Amino acid sequence: MPQQVSVGNVLYPVDDVDSAVKFYESVLTLPTKFQDGSRFAALDGGKVTVAIAGPEEDVTGGRVAASFKVSDVASAVNAAVAAGATIVRDPEDGPHETRAVVLDPWGNAVVLYAPLKA
């Protein structure tokens, strides 16, 4: 059965989450949905969340990336690799989700994530 996939967020790695939140709130008037200290913040970008990742949560090595919500991260990684992607980070449990990072065949970072399983 094919996975249900949606763009969950666009990830922006930053050195200072508080400053980045202030910037996007003031310049683009994006309201903050939640903030996890200096680790991570989610801003309401309409249909897509703008995710601000501090150094502790930067899974892409400083690259801006779309994050795709999938039902099974390991299966999505396997499908991506079979189609020519390269693994940057194997599936791992983070504080908020299971996630992995691949580079598509053109070198673009792609984050694949799913809610943590209970």
PDB file of N, CA and C in Angstrom:
ATOM      1  N   MET A   1       0.848  -1.179   0.000  1.00  0.00           N
ATOM      2  CA  MET A   1       0.000   0.000   0.000  1.00  0.00           C
ATOM      3  C   MET A   1       0.889   1.237   0.000  1.00  0.00           C
ATOM      4  N   PRO A   2       0.638   2.209  -0.893  1.00  0.00           N
ATOM      5  CA  PRO A   2       1.461   3.422  -0.934  1.00  0.00           C
ATOM      6  C   PRO A   2       1.315   4.239   0.349  1.00  0.00           C
ATOM      7  N   GLN A   3       2.385   4.926   0.692  1.00  0.00           N
ATOM      8  CA  GLN A   3       2.363   5.769   1.892  1.00  0.00           C
ATOM      9  C   GLN A   3       1.593   7.051   1.623  1.00  0.00           C
ATOM     10  N   GLN A   4       0.960   7.559   2.668  1.00  0.00           N
ATOM     11  CA  GLN A   4       0.379   8.892   2.625  1.00  0.00           C
ATOM     12  C   GLN A   4       1.507   9.866   2.943  1.00  0.00           C
ATOM     13  N   VAL A   5       1.777  10.793   2.070  1.00  0.00           N
ATOM     14  CA  VAL A   5       2.884  11.724   2.245  1.00  0.00           C
ATOM     15  C   VAL A   5       2.369  13.147   2.138  1.00  0.00           C
ATOM     16  N   SER A   6       2.872  14.015   3.004  1.00  0.00           N
ATOM     17  CA  SER A   6       2.549  15.436   2.925  1.00  0.00           C
ATOM     18  C   SER A   6       3.765  16.237   3.355  1.00  0.00           C
ATOM     19  N   VAL A   7       3.857  17.464   2.851  1.00  0.00           N
ATOM     20  CA  VAL A   7       4.923  18.346   3.318  1.00  0.00           C
ATOM     21  C   VAL A   7       4.507  18.834   4.693  1.00  0.00           C
ATOM     22  N   GLY A   8       5.291  18.496   5.696  1.00  0.00           N
ATOM     23  CA  GLY A   8       4.970  18.895   7.055  1.00  0.00           C
ATOM     24  C   GLY A   8       5.541  20.243   7.400  1.00  0.00           C
ATOM     25  N   ASN A   9       6.753  20.504   6.907  1.00  0.00           N
ATOM     26  CA  ASN A   9       7.375  21.786   7.196  1.00  0.00           C
ATOM     27  C   ASN A   9       8.535  22.035   6.261  1.00  0.00           C
ATOM     28  N   VAL A  10       8.989  23.265   6.267  1.00  0.00           N
ATOM     29  CA  VAL A  10      10.242  23.635   5.621  1.00  0.00           C
ATOM     30  C   VAL A  10      11.186  23.979   6.759  1.00  0.00           C
ATOM     31  N   LEU A  11      12.317  23.277   6.801  1.00  0.00           N
ATOM     32  CA  LEU A  11      13.252  23.361   7.911  1.00  0.00           C
ATOM     33  C   LEU A  11      14.348  24.385   7.628  1.00  0.00           C
ATOM     34  N   TYR A  12      14.507  25.324   8.560  1.00  0.00           N
ATOM     35  CA  TYR A  12      15.553  26.337   8.471  1.00  0.00           C
ATOM     36  C   TYR A  12      16.512  26.153   9.644  1.00  0.00           C
ATOM     37  N   PRO A  13      17.719  25.648   9.406  1.00  0.00           N
ATOM     38  CA  PRO A  13      18.705  25.547  10.484  1.00  0.00           C
ATOM     39  C   PRO A  13      19.254  26.937  10.819  1.00  0.00           C
ATOM     40  N   VAL A  14      19.362  27.231  12.108  1.00  0.00           N
ATOM     41  CA  VAL A  14      19.858  28.535  12.555  1.00  0.00           C
ATOM     42  C   VAL A  14      20.771  28.355  13.765  1.00  0.00           C
ATOM     43  N   ASP A  15      21.580  29.365  14.041  1.00  0.00           N
ATOM     44  CA  ASP A  15      22.440  29.344  15.227  1.00  0.00           C
ATOM     45  C   ASP A  15      21.699  29.805  16.476  1.00  0.00           C
ATOM     46  N   ASP A  16      20.643  30.598  16.304  1.00  0.00           N
ATOM     47  CA  ASP A  16      19.948  31.192  17.441  1.00  0.00           C
ATOM     48  C   ASP A  16      18.444  31.152  17.191  1.00  0.00           C
ATOM     49  N   VAL A  17      17.782  30.209  17.816  1.00  0.00           N
ATOM     50  CA  VAL A  17      16.345  30.013  17.598  1.00  0.00           C
ATOM     51  C   VAL A  17      15.547  31.243  18.016  1.00  0.00           C
ATOM     52  N   ASP A  18      15.844  31.826  19.173  1.00  0.00           N
ATOM     53  CA  ASP A  18      15.099  32.998  19.638  1.00  0.00           C
ATOM     54  C   ASP A  18      15.169  34.143  18.637  1.00  0.00           C
ATOM     55  N   SER A  19      16.364  34.429  18.135  1.00  0.00           N
ATOM     56  CA  SER A  19      16.516  35.519  17.156  1.00  0.00           C
ATOM     57  C   SER A  19      15.781  35.205  15.861  1.00  0.00           C
ATOM     58  N   ALA A  20      15.835  33.948  15.432  1.00  0.00           N
ATOM     59  CA  ALA A  20      15.149  33.569  14.199  1.00  0.00           C
ATOM     60  C   ALA A  20      13.637  33.696  14.353  1.00  0.00           C
ATOM     61  N   VAL A  21      13.119  33.262  15.493  1.00  0.00           N
ATOM     62  CA  VAL A  21      11.683  33.393  15.747  1.00  0.00           C
ATOM     63  C   VAL A  21      11.284  34.864  15.706  1.00  0.00           C
ATOM     64  N   LYS A  22      12.035  35.720  16.385  1.00  0.00           N
ATOM     65  CA  LYS A  22      11.738  37.166  16.378  1.00  0.00           C
ATOM     66  C   LYS A  22      11.762  37.713  14.957  1.00  0.00           C
ATOM     67  N   PHE A  23      12.746  37.286  14.149  1.00  0.00           N
ATOM     68  CA  PHE A  23      12.852  37.746  12.763  1.00  0.00           C
ATOM     69  C   PHE A  23      11.597  37.367  11.980  1.00  0.00           C
ATOM     70  N   TYR A  24      11.231  36.084  11.980  1.00  0.00           N
ATOM     71  CA  TYR A  24      10.092  35.638  11.181  1.00  0.00           C
ATOM     72  C   TYR A  24       8.759  36.150  11.721  1.00  0.00           C
ATOM     73  N   GLU A  25       8.663  36.354  13.029  1.00  0.00           N
ATOM     74  CA  GLU A  25       7.454  36.959  13.587  1.00  0.00           C
ATOM     75  C   GLU A  25       7.329  38.415  13.162  1.00  0.00           C
ATOM     76  N   SER A  26       8.440  39.158  13.205  1.00  0.00           N
ATOM     77  CA  SER A  26       8.365  40.598  12.916  1.00  0.00           C
ATOM     78  C   SER A  26       8.357  40.897  11.417  1.00  0.00           C
ATOM     79  N   VAL A  27       9.169  40.211  10.646  1.00  0.00           N
ATOM     80  CA  VAL A  27       9.274  40.511   9.217  1.00  0.00           C
ATOM     81  C   VAL A  27       8.106  39.919   8.430  1.00  0.00           C
ATOM     82  N   LEU A  28       7.759  38.675   8.717  1.00  0.00           N
ATOM     83  CA  LEU A  28       6.706  38.006   7.951  1.00  0.00           C
ATOM     84  C   LEU A  28       5.412  37.818   8.744  1.00  0.00           C
ATOM     85  N   THR A  29       5.384  38.279   9.964  1.00  0.00           N
ATOM     86  CA  THR A  29       4.242  38.174  10.886  1.00  0.00           C
ATOM     87  C   THR A  29       3.736  36.728  11.033  1.00  0.00           C
ATOM     88  N   LEU A  30       4.670  35.778  11.060  1.00  0.00           N
ATOM     89  CA  LEU A  30       4.296  34.381  11.261  1.00  0.00           C
ATOM     90  C   LEU A  30       4.133  34.116  12.751  1.00  0.00           C
ATOM     91  N   PRO A  31       2.972  33.683  13.186  1.00  0.00           N
ATOM     92  CA  PRO A  31       2.787  33.387  14.611  1.00  0.00           C
ATOM     93  C   PRO A  31       3.496  32.090  14.996  1.00  0.00           C
ATOM     94  N   THR A  32       4.029  32.062  16.200  1.00  0.00           N
ATOM     95  CA  THR A  32       4.691  30.871  16.707  1.00  0.00           C
ATOM     96  C   THR A  32       3.645  29.873  17.190  1.00  0.00           C
ATOM     97  N   LYS A  33       3.735  28.651  16.684  1.00  0.00           N
ATOM     98  CA  LYS A  33       2.847  27.569  17.119  1.00  0.00           C
ATOM     99  C   LYS A  33       3.363  26.968  18.419  1.00  0.00           C
ATOM    100  N   PHE A  34       4.670  26.722  18.488  1.00  0.00           N
ATOM    101  CA  PHE A  34       5.306  26.294  19.727  1.00  0.00           C
ATOM    102  C   PHE A  34       6.814  26.445  19.597  1.00  0.00           C
ATOM    103  N   GLN A  35       7.472  26.502  20.741  1.00  0.00           N
ATOM    104  CA  GLN A  35       8.923  26.601  20.768  1.00  0.00           C
ATOM    105  C   GLN A  35       9.452  25.687  21.869  1.00  0.00           C
ATOM    106  N   ASP A  36      10.465  24.915  21.533  1.00  0.00           N
ATOM    107  CA  ASP A  36      11.124  24.009  22.472  1.00  0.00           C
ATOM    108  C   ASP A  36      12.482  24.614  22.818  1.00  0.00           C
ATOM    109  N   GLY A  37      12.464  25.666  23.617  1.00  0.00           N
ATOM    110  CA  GLY A  37      13.700  26.333  24.049  1.00  0.00           C
ATOM    111  C   GLY A  37      14.566  26.755  22.883  1.00  0.00           C
ATOM    112  N   SER A  38      15.862  26.453  22.970  1.00  0.00           N
ATOM    113  CA  SER A  38      16.803  26.822  21.915  1.00  0.00           C
ATOM    114  C   SER A  38      16.968  25.700  20.897  1.00  0.00           C
ATOM    115  N   ARG A  39      16.145  24.636  21.019  1.00  0.00           N
ATOM    116  CA  ARG A  39      16.249  23.488  20.121  1.00  0.00           C
ATOM    117  C   ARG A  39      15.483  23.674  18.821  1.00  0.00           C
ATOM    118  N   PHE A  40      14.222  24.152  18.946  1.00  0.00           N
ATOM    119  CA  PHE A  40      13.311  24.062  17.813  1.00  0.00           C
ATOM    120  C   PHE A  40      12.133  25.001  18.015  1.00  0.00           C
ATOM    121  N   ALA A  41      11.618  25.535  16.928  1.00  0.00           N
ATOM    122  CA  ALA A  41      10.378  26.304  16.968  1.00  0.00           C
ATOM    123  C   ALA A  41       9.587  26.012  15.702  1.00  0.00           C
ATOM    124  N   ALA A  42       8.272  26.056  15.829  1.00  0.00           N
ATOM    125  CA  ALA A  42       7.378  25.867  14.697  1.00  0.00           C
ATOM    126  C   ALA A  42       6.550  27.131  14.540  1.00  0.00           C
ATOM    127  N   LEU A  43       6.612  27.729  13.359  1.00  0.00           N
ATOM    128  CA  LEU A  43       5.845  28.930  13.069  1.00  0.00           C
ATOM    129  C   LEU A  43       4.774  28.606  12.043  1.00  0.00           C
ATOM    130  N   ASP A  44       3.635  29.256  12.176  1.00  0.00           N
ATOM    131  CA  ASP A  44       2.504  29.011  11.288  1.00  0.00           C
ATOM    132  C   ASP A  44       2.721  29.730   9.967  1.00  0.00           C
ATOM    133  N   GLY A  45       3.051  28.945   8.944  1.00  0.00           N
ATOM    134  CA  GLY A  45       3.246  29.488   7.609  1.00  0.00           C
ATOM    135  C   GLY A  45       2.051  29.242   6.706  1.00  0.00           C
ATOM    136  N   GLY A  46       0.891  29.055   7.297  1.00  0.00           N
ATOM    137  CA  GLY A  46      -0.304  28.750   6.507  1.00  0.00           C
ATOM    138  C   GLY A  46      -0.432  27.250   6.353  1.00  0.00           C
ATOM    139  N   LYS A  47      -0.386  26.762   5.131  1.00  0.00           N
ATOM    140  CA  LYS A  47      -0.536  25.325   4.900  1.00  0.00           C
ATOM    141  C   LYS A  47       0.725  24.544   5.253  1.00  0.00           C
ATOM    142  N   VAL A  48       1.847  25.212   5.388  1.00  0.00           N
ATOM    143  CA  VAL A  48       3.108  24.553   5.717  1.00  0.00           C
ATOM    144  C   VAL A  48       3.743  25.266   6.905  1.00  0.00           C
ATOM    145  N   THR A  49       4.242  24.487   7.842  1.00  0.00           N
ATOM    146  CA  THR A  49       4.920  25.038   9.014  1.00  0.00           C
ATOM    147  C   THR A  49       6.336  25.463   8.637  1.00  0.00           C
ATOM    148  N   VAL A  50       6.766  26.589   9.153  1.00  0.00           N
ATOM    149  CA  VAL A  50       8.160  27.011   9.041  1.00  0.00           C
ATOM    150  C   VAL A  50       8.837  26.517  10.316  1.00  0.00           C
ATOM    151  N   ALA A  51       9.758  25.583  10.165  1.00  0.00           N
ATOM    152  CA  ALA A  51      10.434  24.964  11.303  1.00  0.00           C
ATOM    153  C   ALA A  51      11.812  25.584  11.463  1.00  0.00           C
ATOM    154  N   ILE A  52      12.092  26.056  12.655  1.00  0.00           N
ATOM    155  CA  ILE A  52      13.385  26.664  12.973  1.00  0.00           C
ATOM    156  C   ILE A  52      14.141  25.668  13.850  1.00  0.00           C
ATOM    157  N   ALA A  53      15.283  25.199  13.372  1.00  0.00           N
ATOM    158  CA  ALA A  53      16.063  24.200  14.109  1.00  0.00           C
ATOM    159  C   ALA A  53      17.366  24.809  14.599  1.00  0.00           C
ATOM    160  N   GLY A  54      17.541  24.774  15.914  1.00  0.00           N
ATOM    161  CA  GLY A  54      18.804  25.204  16.497  1.00  0.00           C
ATOM    162  C   GLY A  54      19.873  24.155  16.249  1.00  0.00           C
ATOM    163  N   PRO A  55      21.111  24.457  16.629  1.00  0.00           N
ATOM    164  CA  PRO A  55      22.218  23.527  16.370  1.00  0.00           C
ATOM    165  C   PRO A  55      21.959  22.107  16.875  1.00  0.00           C
ATOM    166  N   GLU A  56      21.294  21.970  17.991  1.00  0.00           N
ATOM    167  CA  GLU A  56      21.016  20.652  18.563  1.00  0.00           C
ATOM    168  C   GLU A  56      20.048  19.834  17.705  1.00  0.00           C
ATOM    169  N   GLU A  57      19.206  20.510  16.942  1.00  0.00           N
ATOM    170  CA  GLU A  57      18.202  19.841  16.109  1.00  0.00           C
ATOM    171  C   GLU A  57      18.486  19.957  14.618  1.00  0.00           C
ATOM    172  N   ASP A  58      19.641  20.475  14.240  1.00  0.00           N
ATOM    173  CA  ASP A  58      19.989  20.606  12.822  1.00  0.00           C
ATOM    174  C   ASP A  58      20.379  19.240  12.276  1.00  0.00           C
ATOM    175  N   VAL A  59      19.442  18.582  11.624  1.00  0.00           N
ATOM    176  CA  VAL A  59      19.690  17.247  11.084  1.00  0.00           C
ATOM    177  C   VAL A  59      20.192  17.281   9.642  1.00  0.00           C
ATOM    178  N   THR A  60      20.214  18.461   9.022  1.00  0.00           N
ATOM    179  CA  THR A  60      20.569  18.560   7.603  1.00  0.00           C
ATOM    180  C   THR A  60      21.958  19.141   7.359  1.00  0.00           C
ATOM    181  N   GLY A  61      22.710  19.400   8.410  1.00  0.00           N
ATOM    182  CA  GLY A  61      24.040  19.974   8.199  1.00  0.00           C
ATOM    183  C   GLY A  61      23.994  21.390   7.676  1.00  0.00           C
ATOM    184  N   GLY A  62      23.014  22.160   8.124  1.00  0.00           N
ATOM    185  CA  GLY A  62      22.924  23.567   7.727  1.00  0.00           C
ATOM    186  C   GLY A  62      22.173  23.818   6.436  1.00  0.00           C
ATOM    187  N   ARG A  63      21.584  22.807   5.850  1.00  0.00           N
ATOM    188  CA  ARG A  63      20.840  22.983   4.599  1.00  0.00           C
ATOM    189  C   ARG A  63      19.361  23.219   4.879  1.00  0.00           C
ATOM    190  N   VAL A  64      18.756  24.118   4.150  1.00  0.00           N
ATOM    191  CA  VAL A  64      17.303  24.279   4.182  1.00  0.00           C
ATOM    192  C   VAL A  64      16.718  23.059   3.479  1.00  0.00           C
ATOM    193  N   ALA A  65      15.643  22.504   4.029  1.00  0.00           N
ATOM    194  CA  ALA A  65      15.060  21.297   3.437  1.00  0.00           C
ATOM    195  C   ALA A  65      13.567  21.235   3.695  1.00  0.00           C
ATOM    196  N   ALA A  66      12.847  20.688   2.736  1.00  0.00           N
ATOM    197  CA  ALA A  66      11.451  20.346   2.978  1.00  0.00           C
ATOM    198  C   ALA A  66      11.435  19.074   3.807  1.00  0.00           C
ATOM    199  N   SER A  67      10.512  19.011   4.751  1.00  0.00           N
ATOM    200  CA  SER A  67      10.343  17.833   5.589  1.00  0.00           C
ATOM    201  C   SER A  67       9.027  17.175   5.216  1.00  0.00           C
ATOM    202  N   PHE A  68       9.088  15.913   4.848  1.00  0.00           N
ATOM    203  CA  PHE A  68       7.921  15.189   4.394  1.00  0.00           C
ATOM    204  C   PHE A  68       7.452  14.214   5.463  1.00  0.00           C
ATOM    205  N   LYS A  69       6.190  14.338   5.848  1.00  0.00           N
ATOM    206  CA  LYS A  69       5.595  13.428   6.822  1.00  0.00           C
ATOM    207  C   LYS A  69       5.178  12.155   6.088  1.00  0.00           C
ATOM    208  N   VAL A  70       5.702  11.031   6.545  1.00  0.00           N
ATOM    209  CA  VAL A  70       5.414   9.735   5.936  1.00  0.00           C
ATOM    210  C   VAL A  70       4.872   8.803   7.014  1.00  0.00           C
ATOM    211  N   SER A  71       4.280   7.703   6.611  1.00  0.00           N
ATOM    212  CA  SER A  71       3.759   6.769   7.601  1.00  0.00           C
ATOM    213  C   SER A  71       4.831   5.821   8.114  1.00  0.00           C
ATOM    214  N   ASP A  72       5.874   5.563   7.326  1.00  0.00           N
ATOM    215  CA  ASP A  72       6.944   4.639   7.717  1.00  0.00           C
ATOM    216  C   ASP A  72       8.269   5.185   7.214  1.00  0.00           C
ATOM    217  N   VAL A  73       9.087   5.701   8.117  1.00  0.00           N
ATOM    218  CA  VAL A  73      10.345   6.353   7.733  1.00  0.00           C
ATOM    219  C   VAL A  73      11.295   5.366   7.076  1.00  0.00           C
ATOM    220  N   ALA A  74      11.462   4.187   7.647  1.00  0.00           N
ATOM    221  CA  ALA A  74      12.410   3.208   7.081  1.00  0.00           C
ATOM    222  C   ALA A  74      12.020   2.826   5.657  1.00  0.00           C
ATOM    223  N   SER A  75      10.739   2.600   5.409  1.00  0.00           N
ATOM    224  CA  SER A  75      10.284   2.261   4.056  1.00  0.00           C
ATOM    225  C   SER A  75      10.515   3.414   3.088  1.00  0.00           C
ATOM    226  N   ALA A  76      10.263   4.636   3.553  1.00  0.00           N
ATOM    227  CA  ALA A  76      10.480   5.804   2.694  1.00  0.00           C
ATOM    228  C   ALA A  76      11.952   5.964   2.350  1.00  0.00           C
ATOM    229  N   VAL A  77      12.833   5.724   3.326  1.00  0.00           N
ATOM    230  CA  VAL A  77      14.279   5.802   3.064  1.00  0.00           C
ATOM    231  C   VAL A  77      14.670   4.730   2.052  1.00  0.00           C
ATOM    232  N   ASN A  78      14.185   3.512   2.243  1.00  0.00           N
ATOM    233  CA  ASN A  78      14.516   2.433   1.299  1.00  0.00           C
ATOM    234  C   ASN A  78      14.053   2.761  -0.117  1.00  0.00           C
ATOM    235  N   ALA A  79      12.854   3.315  -0.242  1.00  0.00           N
ATOM    236  CA  ALA A  79      12.341   3.685  -1.566  1.00  0.00           C
ATOM    237  C   ALA A  79      13.182   4.798  -2.179  1.00  0.00           C
ATOM    238  N   ALA A  80      13.587   5.773  -1.352  1.00  0.00           N
ATOM    239  CA  ALA A  80      14.401   6.878  -1.849  1.00  0.00           C
ATOM    240  C   ALA A  80      15.759   6.374  -2.340  1.00  0.00           C
ATOM    241  N   VAL A  81      16.383   5.497  -1.567  1.00  0.00           N
ATOM    242  CA  VAL A  81      17.690   4.950  -1.959  1.00  0.00           C
ATOM    243  C   VAL A  81      17.563   4.133  -3.243  1.00  0.00           C
ATOM    244  N   ALA A  82      16.498   3.349  -3.358  1.00  0.00           N
ATOM    245  CA  ALA A  82      16.276   2.559  -4.573  1.00  0.00           C
ATOM    246  C   ALA A  82      16.112   3.449  -5.805  1.00  0.00           C
ATOM    247  N   ALA A  83      15.651   4.679  -5.581  1.00  0.00           N
ATOM    248  CA  ALA A  83      15.443   5.623  -6.678  1.00  0.00           C
ATOM    249  C   ALA A  83      16.640   6.552  -6.884  1.00  0.00           C
ATOM    250  N   GLY A  84      17.751   6.305  -6.166  1.00  0.00           N
ATOM    251  CA  GLY A  84      18.963   7.085  -6.409  1.00  0.00           C
ATOM    252  C   GLY A  84      19.370   8.048  -5.316  1.00  0.00           C
ATOM    253  N   ALA A  85      18.641   8.089  -4.210  1.00  0.00           N
ATOM    254  CA  ALA A  85      19.003   8.988  -3.106  1.00  0.00           C
ATOM    255  C   ALA A  85      20.174   8.408  -2.324  1.00  0.00           C
ATOM    256  N   THR A  86      20.827   9.280  -1.560  1.00  0.00           N
ATOM    257  CA  THR A  86      21.930   8.900  -0.686  1.00  0.00           C
ATOM    258  C   THR A  86      21.526   9.215   0.747  1.00  0.00           C
ATOM    259  N   ILE A  87      21.784   8.284   1.653  1.00  0.00           N
ATOM    260  CA  ILE A  87      21.438   8.504   3.056  1.00  0.00           C
ATOM    261  C   ILE A  87      22.442   9.447   3.705  1.00  0.00           C
ATOM    262  N   VAL A  88      21.925  10.478   4.369  1.00  0.00           N
ATOM    263  CA  VAL A  88      22.738  11.386   5.177  1.00  0.00           C
ATOM    264  C   VAL A  88      22.643  10.978   6.642  1.00  0.00           C
ATOM    265  N   ARG A  89      21.423  10.702   7.091  1.00  0.00           N
ATOM    266  CA  ARG A  89      21.163  10.245   8.461  1.00  0.00           C
ATOM    267  C   ARG A  89      20.153   9.112   8.398  1.00  0.00           C
ATOM    268  N   ASP A  90      20.542   7.970   8.956  1.00  0.00           N
ATOM    269  CA  ASP A  90      19.623   6.837   9.047  1.00  0.00           C
ATOM    270  C   ASP A  90      18.447   7.202   9.950  1.00  0.00           C
ATOM    271  N   PRO A  91      17.342   6.455   9.848  1.00  0.00           N
ATOM    272  CA  PRO A  91      16.213   6.715  10.748  1.00  0.00           C
ATOM    273  C   PRO A  91      16.648   6.692  12.212  1.00  0.00           C
ATOM    274  N   GLU A  92      16.183   7.694  12.950  1.00  0.00           N
ATOM    275  CA  GLU A  92      16.498   7.809  14.374  1.00  0.00           C
ATOM    276  C   GLU A  92      15.333   8.491  15.064  1.00  0.00           C
ATOM    277  N   ASP A  93      15.171   8.176  16.342  1.00  0.00           N
ATOM    278  CA  ASP A  93      14.144   8.848  17.120  1.00  0.00           C
ATOM    279  C   ASP A  93      14.693  10.145  17.674  1.00  0.00           C
ATOM    280  N   GLY A  94      14.019  11.250  17.367  1.00  0.00           N
ATOM    281  CA  GLY A  94      14.343  12.548  17.939  1.00  0.00           C
ATOM    282  C   GLY A  94      13.380  12.827  19.076  1.00  0.00           C
ATOM    283  N   PRO A  95      13.420  14.018  19.638  1.00  0.00           N
ATOM    284  CA  PRO A  95      12.533  14.328  20.749  1.00  0.00           C
ATOM    285  C   PRO A  95      11.062  14.419  20.348  1.00  0.00           C
ATOM    286  N   HIS A  96      10.791  14.653  19.072  1.00  0.00           N
ATOM    287  CA  HIS A  96       9.415  14.862  18.637  1.00  0.00           C
ATOM    288  C   HIS A  96       8.939  13.874  17.579  1.00  0.00           C
ATOM    289  N   GLU A  97       9.864  13.153  16.917  1.00  0.00           N
ATOM    290  CA  GLU A  97       9.480  12.277  15.825  1.00  0.00           C
ATOM    291  C   GLU A  97      10.615  11.316  15.489  1.00  0.00           C
ATOM    292  N   THR A  98      10.301  10.319  14.664  1.00  0.00           N
ATOM    293  CA  THR A  98      11.327   9.504  14.029  1.00  0.00           C
ATOM    294  C   THR A  98      11.663  10.212  12.733  1.00  0.00           C
ATOM    295  N   ARG A  99      12.949  10.320  12.410  1.00  0.00           N
ATOM    296  CA  ARG A  99      13.335  11.095  11.231  1.00  0.00           C
ATOM    297  C   ARG A  99      14.564  10.496  10.578  1.00  0.00           C
ATOM    298  N   ALA A 100      14.722  10.821   9.319  1.00  0.00           N
ATOM    299  CA  ALA A 100      15.898  10.447   8.542  1.00  0.00           C
ATOM    300  C   ALA A 100      16.126  11.558   7.529  1.00  0.00           C
ATOM    301  N   VAL A 101      17.344  11.619   7.000  1.00  0.00           N
ATOM    302  CA  VAL A 101      17.659  12.620   5.980  1.00  0.00           C
ATOM    303  C   VAL A 101      18.348  11.913   4.820  1.00  0.00           C
ATOM    304  N   VAL A 102      17.890  12.222   3.625  1.00  0.00           N
ATOM    305  CA  VAL A 102      18.531  11.721   2.412  1.00  0.00           C
ATOM    306  C   VAL A 102      18.830  12.902   1.496  1.00  0.00           C
ATOM    307  N   LEU A 103      19.751  12.692   0.581  1.00  0.00           N
ATOM    308  CA  LEU A 103      19.971  13.640  -0.513  1.00  0.00           C
ATOM    309  C   LEU A 103      19.330  13.038  -1.747  1.00  0.00           C
ATOM    310  N   ASP A 104      18.478  13.816  -2.419  1.00  0.00           N
ATOM    311  CA  ASP A 104      17.889  13.306  -3.651  1.00  0.00           C
ATOM    312  C   ASP A 104      18.998  13.166  -4.702  1.00  0.00           C
ATOM    313  N   PRO A 105      18.713  12.595  -5.866  1.00  0.00           N
ATOM    314  CA  PRO A 105      19.770  12.393  -6.860  1.00  0.00           C
ATOM    315  C   PRO A 105      20.461  13.683  -7.335  1.00  0.00           C
ATOM    316  N   TRP A 106      19.889  14.843  -7.003  1.00  0.00           N
ATOM    317  CA  TRP A 106      20.462  16.122  -7.419  1.00  0.00           C
ATOM    318  C   TRP A 106      21.144  16.843  -6.265  1.00  0.00           C
ATOM    319  N   GLY A 107      21.252  16.179  -5.122  1.00  0.00           N
ATOM    320  CA  GLY A 107      21.974  16.730  -3.980  1.00  0.00           C
ATOM    321  C   GLY A 107      21.157  17.577  -3.023  1.00  0.00           C
ATOM    322  N   ASN A 108      19.833  17.593  -3.171  1.00  0.00           N
ATOM    323  CA  ASN A 108      18.969  18.361  -2.271  1.00  0.00           C
ATOM    324  C   ASN A 108      18.629  17.540  -1.034  1.00  0.00           C
ATOM    325  N   ALA A 109      18.711  18.166   0.135  1.00  0.00           N
ATOM    326  CA  ALA A 109      18.366  17.480   1.377  1.00  0.00           C
ATOM    327  C   ALA A 109      16.857  17.297   1.472  1.00  0.00           C
ATOM    328  N   VAL A 110      16.448  16.108   1.901  1.00  0.00           N
ATOM    329  CA  VAL A 110      15.039  15.763   2.102  1.00  0.00           C
ATOM    330  C   VAL A 110      14.928  15.111   3.474  1.00  0.00           C
ATOM    331  N   VAL A 111      14.102  15.689   4.342  1.00  0.00           N
ATOM    332  CA  VAL A 111      13.857  15.105   5.658  1.00  0.00           C
ATOM    333  C   VAL A 111      12.584  14.263   5.560  1.00  0.00           C
ATOM    334  N   LEU A 112      12.666  13.046   6.059  1.00  0.00           N
ATOM    335  CA  LEU A 112      11.512  12.143   6.108  1.00  0.00           C
ATOM    336  C   LEU A 112      11.206  11.913   7.578  1.00  0.00           C
ATOM    337  N   TYR A 113       9.954  12.112   7.994  1.00  0.00           N
ATOM    338  CA  TYR A 113       9.644  11.960   9.419  1.00  0.00           C
ATOM    339  C   TYR A 113       8.261  11.382   9.635  1.00  0.00           C
ATOM    340  N   ALA A 114       8.078  10.820  10.828  1.00  0.00           N
ATOM    341  CA  ALA A 114       6.786  10.265  11.247  1.00  0.00           C
ATOM    342  C   ALA A 114       6.685  10.445  12.752  1.00  0.00           C
ATOM    343  N   PRO A 115       5.465  10.525  13.267  1.00  0.00           N
ATOM    344  CA  PRO A 115       5.311  10.628  14.729  1.00  0.00           C
ATOM    345  C   PRO A 115       5.975   9.428  15.418  1.00  0.00           C
ATOM    346  N   LEU A 116       6.474   9.663  16.622  1.00  0.00           N
ATOM    347  CA  LEU A 116       7.045   8.571  17.404  1.00  0.00           C
ATOM    348  C   LEU A 116       5.977   7.526  17.676  1.00  0.00           C
ATOM    349  N   LYS A 117       6.336   6.266  17.568  1.00  0.00           N
ATOM    350  CA  LYS A 117       5.396   5.192  17.847  1.00  0.00           C
ATOM    351  C   LYS A 117       5.394   4.919  19.345  1.00  0.00           C
ATOM    352  N   ALA A 118       4.206   4.764  19.883  1.00  0.00           N
ATOM    353  CA  ALA A 118       4.062   4.527  21.331  1.00  0.00           C
ATOM    354  C   ALA A 118       4.560   3.169  21.743  1.00  0.00           C
TER     355      ALA A 118
END
